[in-house]
Amino acid sequence: MANTSPGEFFRQVRREASKVTWPTPKEAGITSVMVFIMVVIMAIFFLGVDFFLNLGIQSLLGLGE
C-alpha cells in the first residue's frame, strides 16, 4: 500500500467530493418530507401490529378479563 502525504490525501478528497452530485434545496426538502411521512406511516403500522398482538396474547393468557 503506497504512503500518501496528508496534502495529497486532502487533494484526493477534494477531487472526489467535486464528483458528487449534491441535491438542490428543493430535492433535499422533498426527500425530508417523504422520510417524515414514511416514519409516521410506519409508526402507525407498528402501533396497530403491537395493539393487536397485545390483544391476542392477553386473550390467550386470560389477562383480558
PDB file of N, CA and C in Angstrom:
ATOM      1  N   MET A   1       0.855  -1.166   0.000  1.00  0.00           N
ATOM      2  CA  MET A   1       0.000   0.000   0.000  1.00  0.00           C
ATOM      3  C   MET A   1       0.903   1.232   0.000  1.00  0.00           C
ATOM      4  N   ALA A   2       0.663   2.130  -0.920  1.00  0.00           N
ATOM      5  CA  ALA A   2       1.507   3.316  -1.065  1.00  0.00           C
ATOM      6  C   ALA A   2       1.216   4.311   0.054  1.00  0.00           C
ATOM      7  N   ASN A   3       2.276   4.952   0.530  1.00  0.00           N
ATOM      8  CA  ASN A   3       2.120   6.007   1.527  1.00  0.00           C
ATOM      9  C   ASN A   3       1.695   7.289   0.829  1.00  0.00           C
ATOM     10  N   THR A   4       0.706   7.951   1.382  1.00  0.00           N
ATOM     11  CA  THR A   4       0.202   9.193   0.820  1.00  0.00           C
ATOM     12  C   THR A   4       0.401  10.289   1.847  1.00  0.00           C
ATOM     13  N   SER A   5       0.951  11.400   1.390  1.00  0.00           N
ATOM     14  CA  SER A   5       1.163  12.516   2.306  1.00  0.00           C
ATOM     15  C   SER A   5      -0.196  13.139   2.657  1.00  0.00           C
ATOM     16  N   PRO A   6      -0.284  13.811   3.798  1.00  0.00           N
ATOM     17  CA  PRO A   6      -1.553  14.444   4.166  1.00  0.00           C
ATOM     18  C   PRO A   6      -2.051  15.437   3.112  1.00  0.00           C
ATOM     19  N   GLY A   7      -1.140  16.205   2.507  1.00  0.00           N
ATOM     20  CA  GLY A   7      -1.543  17.158   1.476  1.00  0.00           C
ATOM     21  C   GLY A   7      -2.148  16.466   0.272  1.00  0.00           C
ATOM     22  N   GLU A   8      -1.524  15.373  -0.174  1.00  0.00           N
ATOM     23  CA  GLU A   8      -2.042  14.615  -1.315  1.00  0.00           C
ATOM     24  C   GLU A   8      -3.390  13.979  -0.964  1.00  0.00           C
ATOM     25  N   PHE A   9      -3.504  13.494   0.253  1.00  0.00           N
ATOM     26  CA  PHE A   9      -4.764  12.901   0.696  1.00  0.00           C
ATOM     27  C   PHE A   9      -5.904  13.914   0.588  1.00  0.00           C
ATOM     28  N   PHE A  10      -5.696  15.124   1.098  1.00  0.00           N
ATOM     29  CA  PHE A  10      -6.762  16.128   1.047  1.00  0.00           C
ATOM     30  C   PHE A  10      -7.055  16.582  -0.379  1.00  0.00           C
ATOM     31  N   ARG A  11      -6.049  16.597  -1.259  1.00  0.00           N
ATOM     32  CA  ARG A  11      -6.316  16.915  -2.669  1.00  0.00           C
ATOM     33  C   ARG A  11      -7.192  15.830  -3.304  1.00  0.00           C
ATOM     34  N   GLN A  12      -6.907  14.574  -2.956  1.00  0.00           N
ATOM     35  CA  GLN A  12      -7.721  13.481  -3.482  1.00  0.00           C
ATOM     36  C   GLN A  12      -9.167  13.561  -2.957  1.00  0.00           C
ATOM     37  N   VAL A  13      -9.302  13.907  -1.695  1.00  0.00           N
ATOM     38  CA  VAL A  13     -10.640  14.035  -1.111  1.00  0.00           C
ATOM     39  C   VAL A  13     -11.410  15.145  -1.810  1.00  0.00           C
ATOM     40  N   ARG A  14     -10.766  16.288  -2.041  1.00  0.00           N
ATOM     41  CA  ARG A  14     -11.441  17.393  -2.742  1.00  0.00           C
ATOM     42  C   ARG A  14     -11.833  16.995  -4.156  1.00  0.00           C
ATOM     43  N   ARG A  15     -10.947  16.272  -4.826  1.00  0.00           N
ATOM     44  CA  ARG A  15     -11.230  15.843  -6.192  1.00  0.00           C
ATOM     45  C   ARG A  15     -12.427  14.886  -6.216  1.00  0.00           C
ATOM     46  N   GLU A  16     -12.476  13.953  -5.275  1.00  0.00           N
ATOM     47  CA  GLU A  16     -13.603  13.018  -5.222  1.00  0.00           C
ATOM     48  C   GLU A  16     -14.898  13.721  -4.813  1.00  0.00           C
ATOM     49  N   ALA A  17     -14.818  14.667  -3.880  1.00  0.00           N
ATOM     50  CA  ALA A  17     -16.006  15.389  -3.436  1.00  0.00           C
ATOM     51  C   ALA A  17     -16.587  16.239  -4.558  1.00  0.00           C
ATOM     52  N   SER A  18     -15.724  16.702  -5.465  1.00  0.00           N
ATOM     53  CA  SER A  18     -16.234  17.508  -6.575  1.00  0.00           C
ATOM     54  C   SER A  18     -17.031  16.664  -7.576  1.00  0.00           C
ATOM     55  N   LYS A  19     -16.872  15.339  -7.527  1.00  0.00           N
ATOM     56  CA  LYS A  19     -17.608  14.443  -8.423  1.00  0.00           C
ATOM     57  C   LYS A  19     -19.013  14.141  -7.918  1.00  0.00           C
ATOM     58  N   VAL A  20     -19.276  14.451  -6.654  1.00  0.00           N
ATOM     59  CA  VAL A  20     -20.567  14.143  -6.049  1.00  0.00           C
ATOM     60  C   VAL A  20     -21.632  15.071  -6.607  1.00  0.00           C
ATOM     61  N   THR A  21     -22.783  14.501  -6.931  1.00  0.00           N
ATOM     62  CA  THR A  21     -23.922  15.299  -7.360  1.00  0.00           C
ATOM     63  C   THR A  21     -24.734  15.629  -6.124  1.00  0.00           C
ATOM     64  N   TRP A  22     -24.646  16.861  -5.662  1.00  0.00           N
ATOM     65  CA  TRP A  22     -25.335  17.276  -4.452  1.00  0.00           C
ATOM     66  C   TRP A  22     -26.777  17.636  -4.776  1.00  0.00           C
ATOM     67  N   PRO A  23     -27.711  17.308  -3.864  1.00  0.00           N
ATOM     68  CA  PRO A  23     -29.115  17.641  -4.131  1.00  0.00           C
ATOM     69  C   PRO A  23     -29.365  19.143  -4.011  1.00  0.00           C
ATOM     70  N   THR A  24     -30.331  19.600  -4.767  1.00  0.00           N
ATOM     71  CA  THR A  24     -30.729  21.001  -4.657  1.00  0.00           C
ATOM     72  C   THR A  24     -31.534  21.164  -3.360  1.00  0.00           C
ATOM     73  N   PRO A  25     -31.691  22.389  -2.874  1.00  0.00           N
ATOM     74  CA  PRO A  25     -32.505  22.576  -1.667  1.00  0.00           C
ATOM     75  C   PRO A  25     -33.928  22.033  -1.824  1.00  0.00           C
ATOM     76  N   LYS A  26     -34.504  22.164  -3.023  1.00  0.00           N
ATOM     77  CA  LYS A  26     -35.847  21.635  -3.268  1.00  0.00           C
ATOM     78  C   LYS A  26     -35.859  20.111  -3.141  1.00  0.00           C
ATOM     79  N   GLU A  27     -34.872  19.438  -3.743  1.00  0.00           N
ATOM     80  CA  GLU A  27     -34.786  17.982  -3.645  1.00  0.00           C
ATOM     81  C   GLU A  27     -34.582  17.532  -2.205  1.00  0.00           C
ATOM     82  N   ALA A  28     -33.740  18.236  -1.470  1.00  0.00           N
ATOM     83  CA  ALA A  28     -33.498  17.888  -0.070  1.00  0.00           C
ATOM     84  C   ALA A  28     -34.769  18.064   0.757  1.00  0.00           C
ATOM     85  N   GLY A  29     -35.529  19.121   0.490  1.00  0.00           N
ATOM     86  CA  GLY A  29     -36.779  19.348   1.214  1.00  0.00           C
ATOM     87  C   GLY A  29     -37.809  18.282   0.927  1.00  0.00           C
ATOM     88  N   ILE A  30     -37.968  17.941  -0.351  1.00  0.00           N
ATOM     89  CA  ILE A  30     -38.935  16.904  -0.736  1.00  0.00           C
ATOM     90  C   ILE A  30     -38.551  15.567  -0.109  1.00  0.00           C
ATOM     91  N   THR A  31     -37.270  15.246  -0.143  1.00  0.00           N
ATOM     92  CA  THR A  31     -36.807  13.987   0.444  1.00  0.00           C
ATOM     93  C   THR A  31     -37.052  13.971   1.951  1.00  0.00           C
ATOM     94  N   SER A  32     -36.818  15.085   2.626  1.00  0.00           N
ATOM     95  CA  SER A  32     -37.051  15.157   4.070  1.00  0.00           C
ATOM     96  C   SER A  32     -38.521  14.961   4.393  1.00  0.00           C
ATOM     97  N   VAL A  33     -39.410  15.578   3.615  1.00  0.00           N
ATOM     98  CA  VAL A  33     -40.850  15.421   3.843  1.00  0.00           C
ATOM     99  C   VAL A  33     -41.262  13.973   3.608  1.00  0.00           C
ATOM    100  N   MET A  34     -40.735  13.341   2.562  1.00  0.00           N
ATOM    101  CA  MET A  34     -41.077  11.950   2.277  1.00  0.00           C
ATOM    102  C   MET A  34     -40.604  11.024   3.404  1.00  0.00           C
ATOM    103  N   VAL A  35     -39.423  11.271   3.928  1.00  0.00           N
ATOM    104  CA  VAL A  35     -38.925  10.462   5.047  1.00  0.00           C
ATOM    105  C   VAL A  35     -39.839  10.635   6.254  1.00  0.00           C
ATOM    106  N   PHE A  36     -40.230  11.871   6.549  1.00  0.00           N
ATOM    107  CA  PHE A  36     -41.120  12.127   7.678  1.00  0.00           C
ATOM    108  C   PHE A  36     -42.452  11.398   7.502  1.00  0.00           C
ATOM    109  N   ILE A  37     -43.016  11.446   6.300  1.00  0.00           N
ATOM    110  CA  ILE A  37     -44.286  10.768   6.024  1.00  0.00           C
ATOM    111  C   ILE A  37     -44.144   9.263   6.211  1.00  0.00           C
ATOM    112  N   MET A  38     -43.051   8.690   5.717  1.00  0.00           N
ATOM    113  CA  MET A  38     -42.841   7.246   5.871  1.00  0.00           C
ATOM    114  C   MET A  38     -42.666   6.862   7.334  1.00  0.00           C
ATOM    115  N   VAL A  39     -42.002   7.697   8.108  1.00  0.00           N
ATOM    116  CA  VAL A  39     -41.833   7.418   9.541  1.00  0.00           C
ATOM    117  C   VAL A  39     -43.190   7.410  10.234  1.00  0.00           C
ATOM    118  N   VAL A  40     -44.048   8.370   9.904  1.00  0.00           N
ATOM    119  CA  VAL A  40     -45.384   8.420  10.509  1.00  0.00           C
ATOM    120  C   VAL A  40     -46.195   7.192  10.103  1.00  0.00           C
ATOM    121  N   ILE A  41     -46.159   6.825   8.827  1.00  0.00           N
ATOM    122  CA  ILE A  41     -46.904   5.649   8.357  1.00  0.00           C
ATOM    123  C   ILE A  41     -46.419   4.387   9.062  1.00  0.00           C
ATOM    124  N   MET A  42     -45.104   4.213   9.164  1.00  0.00           N
ATOM    125  CA  MET A  42     -44.568   3.015   9.812  1.00  0.00           C
ATOM    126  C   MET A  42     -44.870   3.006  11.304  1.00  0.00           C
ATOM    127  N   ALA A  43     -44.866   4.179  11.947  1.00  0.00           N
ATOM    128  CA  ALA A  43     -45.200   4.247  13.371  1.00  0.00           C
ATOM    129  C   ALA A  43     -46.646   3.816  13.594  1.00  0.00           C
ATOM    130  N   ILE A  44     -47.548   4.282  12.746  1.00  0.00           N
ATOM    131  CA  ILE A  44     -48.962   3.894  12.859  1.00  0.00           C
ATOM    132  C   ILE A  44     -49.121   2.395  12.608  1.00  0.00           C
ATOM    133  N   PHE A  45     -48.425   1.877  11.608  1.00  0.00           N
ATOM    134  CA  PHE A  45     -48.490   0.450  11.298  1.00  0.00           C
ATOM    135  C   PHE A  45     -48.043  -0.393  12.489  1.00  0.00           C
ATOM    136  N   PHE A  46     -46.876  -0.070  13.047  1.00  0.00           N
ATOM    137  CA  PHE A  46     -46.362  -0.862  14.163  1.00  0.00           C
ATOM    138  C   PHE A  46     -47.185  -0.665  15.432  1.00  0.00           C
ATOM    139  N   LEU A  47     -47.791   0.498  15.601  1.00  0.00           N
ATOM    140  CA  LEU A  47     -48.718   0.703  16.713  1.00  0.00           C
ATOM    141  C   LEU A  47     -49.894  -0.259  16.584  1.00  0.00           C
ATOM    142  N   GLY A  48     -50.444  -0.381  15.376  1.00  0.00           N
ATOM    143  CA  GLY A  48     -51.550  -1.314  15.146  1.00  0.00           C
ATOM    144  C   GLY A  48     -51.138  -2.753  15.352  1.00  0.00           C
ATOM    145  N   VAL A  49     -49.979  -3.150  14.821  1.00  0.00           N
ATOM    146  CA  VAL A  49     -49.499  -4.521  14.998  1.00  0.00           C
ATOM    147  C   VAL A  49     -49.319  -4.817  16.483  1.00  0.00           C
ATOM    148  N   ASP A  50     -48.712  -3.904  17.206  1.00  0.00           N
ATOM    149  CA  ASP A  50     -48.488  -4.091  18.633  1.00  0.00           C
ATOM    150  C   ASP A  50     -49.813  -4.209  19.380  1.00  0.00           C
ATOM    151  N   PHE A  51     -50.775  -3.368  19.026  1.00  0.00           N
ATOM    152  CA  PHE A  51     -52.076  -3.387  19.687  1.00  0.00           C
ATOM    153  C   PHE A  51     -52.758  -4.741  19.502  1.00  0.00           C
ATOM    154  N   PHE A  52     -52.798  -5.232  18.261  1.00  0.00           N
ATOM    155  CA  PHE A  52     -53.492  -6.488  18.004  1.00  0.00           C
ATOM    156  C   PHE A  52     -52.738  -7.695  18.560  1.00  0.00           C
ATOM    157  N   LEU A  53     -51.422  -7.679  18.540  1.00  0.00           N
ATOM    158  CA  LEU A  53     -50.670  -8.763  19.177  1.00  0.00           C
ATOM    159  C   LEU A  53     -50.903  -8.759  20.683  1.00  0.00           C
ATOM    160  N   ASN A  54     -50.956  -7.575  21.267  1.00  0.00           N
ATOM    161  CA  ASN A  54     -51.224  -7.456  22.696  1.00  0.00           C
ATOM    162  C   ASN A  54     -52.600  -8.022  23.036  1.00  0.00           C
ATOM    163  N   LEU A  55     -53.607  -7.673  22.219  1.00  0.00           N
ATOM    164  CA  LEU A  55     -54.954  -8.222  22.441  1.00  0.00           C
ATOM    165  C   LEU A  55     -54.957  -9.744  22.349  1.00  0.00           C
ATOM    166  N   GLY A  56     -54.286 -10.266  21.347  1.00  0.00           N
ATOM    167  CA  GLY A  56     -54.238 -11.718  21.156  1.00  0.00           C
ATOM    168  C   GLY A  56     -53.552 -12.427  22.308  1.00  0.00           C
ATOM    169  N   ILE A  57     -52.441 -11.904  22.764  1.00  0.00           N
ATOM    170  CA  ILE A  57     -51.717 -12.539  23.863  1.00  0.00           C
ATOM    171  C   ILE A  57     -52.505 -12.446  25.159  1.00  0.00           C
ATOM    172  N   GLN A  58     -53.138 -11.300  25.407  1.00  0.00           N
ATOM    173  CA  GLN A  58     -53.936 -11.168  26.616  1.00  0.00           C
ATOM    174  C   GLN A  58     -55.122 -12.130  26.615  1.00  0.00           C
ATOM    175  N   SER A  59     -55.753 -12.303  25.460  1.00  0.00           N
ATOM    176  CA  SER A  59     -56.896 -13.230  25.403  1.00  0.00           C
ATOM    177  C   SER A  59     -56.425 -14.674  25.559  1.00  0.00           C
ATOM    178  N   LEU A  60     -55.256 -15.020  25.024  1.00  0.00           N
ATOM    179  CA  LEU A  60     -54.728 -16.378  25.184  1.00  0.00           C
ATOM    180  C   LEU A  60     -54.362 -16.683  26.622  1.00  0.00           C
ATOM    181  N   LEU A  61     -53.822 -15.707  27.306  1.00  0.00           N
ATOM    182  CA  LEU A  61     -53.400 -15.915  28.680  1.00  0.00           C
ATOM    183  C   LEU A  61     -54.500 -15.639  29.695  1.00  0.00           C
ATOM    184  N   GLY A  62     -55.638 -15.163  29.235  1.00  0.00           N
ATOM    185  CA  GLY A  62     -56.746 -14.900  30.121  1.00  0.00           C
ATOM    186  C   GLY A  62     -56.548 -13.644  30.950  1.00  0.00           C
ATOM    187  N   LEU A  63     -55.739 -12.721  30.481  1.00  0.00           N
ATOM    188  CA  LEU A  63     -55.472 -11.499  31.230  1.00  0.00           C
ATOM    189  C   LEU A  63     -56.433 -10.386  30.866  1.00  0.00           C
ATOM    190  N   GLY A  64     -57.256 -10.580  29.856  1.00  0.00           N
ATOM    191  CA  GLY A  64     -58.133  -9.524  29.376  1.00  0.00           C
ATOM    192  C   GLY A  64     -59.477  -9.482  30.077  1.00  0.00           C
ATOM    193  N   GLU A  65     -59.595 -10.180  31.177  1.00  0.00           N
ATOM    194  CA  GLU A  65     -60.891 -10.238  31.876  1.00  0.00           C
ATOM    195  C   GLU A  65     -61.137  -9.006  32.694  1.00  0.00           C
TER     196      GLU A  65
END
